[in-house]
Amino acid sequence: DCWLPGAYEEDKYSVGISDIEKENWFLVYPNPNNGKFFIENKVGIKSDLEIRIYNPLGAQLYSTVFNNTKSEIDLSTFSNGIYFIEVIGDGIMWREKIVKE
């Protein structure tokens, strides 16, 4: 799968939910980071969620299943730069830019 940041298809999962509310679904920290960072589930979703990491060209570089309230992601072997994290599952789709320094 491939997607280009800024060229998203319509988000069919979050009809009626404001962008501000969607921003608060997950917390990624620290950001910027050294390749190791945490993602925290702020909305209490208890089912499996898939985490995907993409480069700026839209190529998927990493994928894992996230099924708890907080998980550590290790991209320390990746080059420094901008990446995009996407969380999918349980009727939601959430994206955020992350920076590895």
Protein backbone atom coordinates (compact mmCIF):
# COMPACT_ATOMS: atom_id res chain seq x y z
CA ASP A 1 0.00 0.00 0.00
CA CYS A 2 1.08 3.50 -0.69
CA TRP A 3 -0.36 6.95 0.07
CA LEU A 4 0.96 10.42 -0.36
CA PRO A 5 0.76 12.85 2.55
CA GLY A 6 -1.69 15.59 1.70
CA ALA A 7 -3.45 13.41 -0.87
CA TYR A 8 -5.71 11.50 1.48
CA GLU A 9 -8.87 9.84 0.30
CA GLU A 10 -11.97 10.85 2.19
CA ASP A 11 -11.87 9.49 5.73
CA LYS A 12 -14.94 7.25 5.81
CA TYR A 13 -14.35 6.21 9.42
CA SER A 14 -14.86 9.48 11.24
CA VAL A 15 -18.02 11.06 9.86
CA GLY A 16 -19.18 13.82 12.17
CA ILE A 17 -15.96 13.92 14.20
CA SER A 18 -14.05 17.18 14.11
CA ASP A 19 -10.37 17.29 13.20
CA ILE A 20 -9.60 18.63 16.68
CA GLU A 21 -11.17 15.57 18.29
CA LYS A 22 -9.28 13.24 15.93
CA GLU A 23 -5.98 14.94 16.81
CA ASN A 24 -6.46 13.83 20.41
CA TRP A 25 -7.07 10.13 19.68
CA PHE A 26 -3.38 9.22 20.05
CA LEU A 27 -0.30 10.84 21.51
CA VAL A 28 3.14 10.35 19.93
CA TYR A 29 6.11 11.41 22.04
CA PRO A 30 8.79 12.55 22.01
CA ASN A 31 8.43 14.16 18.62
CA PRO A 32 11.02 14.94 17.27
CA ASN A 33 12.81 11.81 18.50
CA ASN A 34 15.96 9.72 18.03
CA GLY A 35 14.03 6.83 16.48
CA LYS A 36 12.54 5.54 19.71
CA PHE A 37 9.17 6.94 20.66
CA PHE A 38 5.89 6.01 22.30
CA ILE A 39 2.37 5.99 20.96
CA GLU A 40 -0.41 6.23 23.50
CA ASN A 41 -4.07 5.36 22.93
CA LYS A 42 -6.02 8.29 24.41
CA VAL A 43 -9.55 7.10 23.51
CA GLY A 44 -9.59 3.73 25.23
CA ILE A 45 -9.91 1.53 22.15
CA LYS A 46 -9.32 -2.02 23.33
CA SER A 47 -9.23 -3.90 20.02
CA ASP A 48 -6.17 -4.51 17.86
CA LEU A 49 -4.99 -1.47 15.91
CA GLU A 50 -2.42 -1.54 13.14
CA ILE A 51 0.41 0.97 13.23
CA ARG A 52 2.08 1.76 9.92
CA ILE A 53 5.06 4.01 9.24
CA TYR A 54 5.50 5.65 5.82
CA ASN A 55 8.26 7.71 4.27
CA PRO A 56 7.44 11.06 2.59
CA LEU A 57 7.00 9.31 -0.76
CA GLY A 58 4.24 7.12 0.68
CA ALA A 59 6.14 3.83 0.86
CA GLN A 60 5.22 1.73 3.90
CA LEU A 61 8.38 0.96 5.89
CA TYR A 62 7.05 -0.56 9.12
CA SER A 63 3.92 -2.22 10.45
CA THR A 64 2.93 -3.68 13.81
CA VAL A 65 -0.18 -4.45 15.85
CA PHE A 66 -0.97 -2.21 18.79
CA ASN A 67 -3.43 -3.57 21.36
CA ASN A 68 -2.77 -1.73 24.58
CA THR A 69 -2.78 1.81 25.89
CA LYS A 70 0.92 2.55 25.26
CA SER A 71 3.54 1.04 22.99
CA GLU A 72 7.16 1.85 22.15
CA ILE A 73 8.18 2.05 18.49
CA ASP A 74 11.85 1.69 17.55
CA LEU A 75 12.92 3.23 14.25
CA SER A 76 16.51 3.82 15.37
CA THR A 77 17.86 2.00 12.29
CA PHE A 78 15.95 4.36 9.96
CA SER A 79 17.61 7.43 8.45
CA ASN A 80 16.96 10.81 10.02
CA GLY A 81 14.05 12.65 8.46
CA ILE A 82 10.29 13.00 8.31
CA TYR A 83 7.98 10.00 8.51
CA PHE A 84 4.25 9.55 8.85
CA ILE A 85 2.56 7.28 11.39
CA GLU A 86 -0.88 5.89 10.65
CA VAL A 87 -3.16 3.98 13.03
CA ILE A 88 -5.99 1.92 11.55
CA GLY A 89 -8.64 -0.28 13.12
CA ASP A 90 -11.89 -0.42 15.05
CA GLY A 91 -13.49 2.02 12.63
CA ILE A 92 -10.81 4.72 12.85
CA MET A 93 -7.95 6.03 10.76
CA TRP A 94 -5.49 8.50 12.29
CA ARG A 95 -2.28 10.02 10.85
CA GLU A 96 0.53 12.19 12.21
CA LYS A 97 3.93 13.42 11.06
CA ILE A 98 6.95 12.29 13.09
CA VAL A 99 10.52 13.54 12.88
CA LYS A 100 13.61 11.41 13.53
CA GLU A 101 16.73 13.43 14.33
